[in-house]
Amino acid sequence: DVQLQASGGGLVQTGGSLRLSCVASGFTVDDYVIGWFRQAPGKEREGVSFIRISGGSTFYDKSVKGRFTISRDNAKSTVYLQMNSLKPEDTAVYYCATGSISWNDDYFWMKGPLTWGQGTLVTVSS
């Protein structure tokens, strides 16, 4: 079974940085997508950024474009989300996930259920 283990959340001041990690295991194919979603208190879960492991193509929500960078280390089966210039509105529980996720320059869409890792809390203080 595919499993995802997220880590790296914490408390940071506005303008600070954090790096989230998502360690993946159990994949039997070389080409898949891992992404980050977040859910703020009282809000719906939203997609933040995705990366295709084979080829490295990426997607960023417009709210994080230019501040967040997603990357992968295939040797370590790990996907990272480097978050810079953090804002209070970035405060949320961040989840990594995998599944049938596709995107264009502006939107992403999913087919079928995703496999989720546990969440990691990011708190940005003002």
Protein backbone atom coordinates (compact mmCIF):
# COMPACT_ATOMS: atom_id res chain seq x y z
CA ASP A 1 0.00 0.00 0.00
CA VAL A 2 1.07 3.55 -0.70
CA GLN A 3 1.88 5.50 2.43
CA LEU A 4 2.80 9.15 2.90
CA GLN A 5 4.45 10.67 5.94
CA ALA A 6 4.39 14.45 6.24
CA SER A 7 6.49 16.53 8.59
CA GLY A 8 8.04 19.94 9.03
CA GLY A 9 5.24 22.13 10.29
CA GLY A 10 5.67 24.60 13.10
CA LEU A 11 5.23 28.14 14.30
CA VAL A 12 6.85 30.93 12.35
CA GLN A 13 6.52 34.70 12.18
CA THR A 14 5.17 36.56 9.17
CA GLY A 15 7.82 36.66 6.48
CA GLY A 16 9.53 33.53 7.75
CA SER A 17 10.16 30.21 6.07
CA LEU A 18 9.43 26.55 6.64
CA ARG A 19 10.13 23.40 4.66
CA LEU A 20 7.64 20.56 4.67
CA SER A 21 8.64 17.02 3.77
CA CYS A 22 6.54 14.14 2.50
CA VAL A 23 8.18 10.71 2.49
CA ALA A 24 6.45 8.26 0.18
CA SER A 25 6.53 4.48 0.19
CA GLY A 26 4.76 1.61 -1.49
CA PHE A 27 4.67 2.93 -5.04
CA THR A 28 4.94 0.29 -7.74
CA VAL A 29 5.18 2.71 -10.66
CA ASP A 30 7.71 5.40 -11.50
CA ASP A 31 5.30 8.06 -12.69
CA TYR A 32 2.95 9.54 -10.15
CA VAL A 33 1.94 12.86 -8.65
CA ILE A 34 2.42 14.00 -5.08
CA GLY A 35 0.91 17.21 -3.90
CA TRP A 36 0.21 19.40 -0.96
CA PHE A 37 -3.20 20.49 0.22
CA ARG A 38 -4.06 22.65 3.18
CA GLN A 39 -7.06 23.25 5.36
CA ALA A 40 -7.45 26.35 7.48
CA PRO A 41 -9.88 26.44 10.42
CA GLY A 42 -13.45 26.73 9.16
CA LYS A 43 -12.43 26.47 5.52
CA GLU A 44 -12.46 23.77 2.89
CA ARG A 45 -9.34 21.86 1.97
CA GLU A 46 -7.56 23.46 -0.97
CA GLY A 47 -4.82 22.38 -3.34
CA VAL A 48 -1.53 24.21 -2.91
CA SER A 49 1.10 22.62 -5.13
CA PHE A 50 1.75 19.40 -7.04
CA ILE A 51 4.70 17.72 -8.70
CA ARG A 52 4.91 14.87 -11.17
CA ILE A 53 7.69 12.56 -10.02
CA SER A 54 8.67 11.56 -13.56
CA GLY A 55 9.62 14.75 -15.36
CA GLY A 56 9.14 17.15 -12.48
CA SER A 57 6.33 19.29 -13.87
CA THR A 58 4.72 21.42 -11.19
CA PHE A 59 1.56 23.30 -10.30
CA TYR A 60 1.10 26.15 -7.85
CA ASP A 61 -2.07 27.75 -6.65
CA LYS A 62 -2.03 31.46 -7.40
CA SER A 63 -2.06 32.22 -3.67
CA VAL A 64 1.40 30.70 -3.22
CA LYS A 65 3.00 31.18 -6.62
CA GLY A 66 6.34 32.93 -6.26
CA ARG A 67 6.59 32.13 -2.53
CA PHE A 68 6.41 28.33 -2.37
CA THR A 69 8.60 25.84 -4.24
CA ILE A 70 7.84 22.16 -4.59
CA SER A 71 10.65 19.74 -5.34
CA ARG A 72 11.46 16.06 -5.14
CA ASP A 73 14.39 13.88 -4.22
CA ASN A 74 13.69 10.60 -5.98
CA ALA A 75 16.55 8.82 -4.22
CA LYS A 76 14.93 9.61 -0.87
CA SER A 77 11.34 9.17 -2.12
CA THR A 78 10.64 12.57 -0.64
CA VAL A 79 8.78 15.63 -1.85
CA TYR A 80 9.50 18.99 -0.28
CA LEU A 81 7.49 22.18 -0.05
CA GLN A 82 9.71 25.16 0.64
CA MET A 83 7.54 27.95 1.94
CA ASN A 84 8.99 31.45 2.00
CA SER A 85 7.52 34.85 2.79
CA LEU A 86 4.85 33.20 4.90
CA LYS A 87 1.69 35.10 5.70
CA PRO A 88 -0.88 34.61 8.46
CA GLU A 89 -3.33 33.39 5.81
CA ASP A 90 -0.98 30.46 5.14
CA THR A 91 -1.86 29.12 8.58
CA ALA A 92 -3.42 25.69 8.09
CA VAL A 93 -2.93 21.98 8.46
CA TYR A 94 -0.94 20.86 5.44
CA TYR A 95 -1.46 17.40 3.97
CA CYS A 96 0.47 15.58 1.30
CA ALA A 97 -1.50 13.36 -1.02
CA THR A 98 -1.19 11.27 -4.14
CA GLY A 99 -3.59 10.14 -6.83
CA SER A 100 -4.85 11.03 -10.26
CA ILE A 101 -4.19 14.77 -10.28
CA SER A 102 -3.79 16.79 -13.46
CA TRP A 103 -3.37 20.48 -14.13
CA ASN A 104 -2.90 23.27 -16.57
CA ASP A 105 -1.46 26.72 -15.91
CA ASP A 106 -4.45 27.84 -13.85
CA TYR A 107 -6.40 24.87 -12.54
CA PHE A 108 -6.05 21.33 -11.29
CA TRP A 109 -8.50 18.49 -11.30
CA MET A 110 -8.70 15.05 -9.76
CA LYS A 111 -10.09 11.72 -10.81
CA GLY A 112 -11.01 9.33 -8.05
CA PRO A 113 -9.97 9.31 -4.42
CA LEU A 114 -6.56 10.42 -3.18
CA THR A 115 -4.30 8.71 -0.70
CA TRP A 116 -3.51 11.10 2.16
CA GLY A 117 -0.71 11.45 4.60
CA GLN A 118 -1.29 12.79 8.07
CA GLY A 119 -1.41 16.54 8.42
CA THR A 120 1.27 18.85 9.73
CA LEU A 121 0.28 22.17 11.30
CA VAL A 122 1.75 25.41 10.01
CA THR A 123 1.05 28.49 12.10
CA VAL A 124 2.15 31.91 10.92
CA SER A 125 1.95 34.61 13.57
CA SER A 126 1.37 38.25 12.71
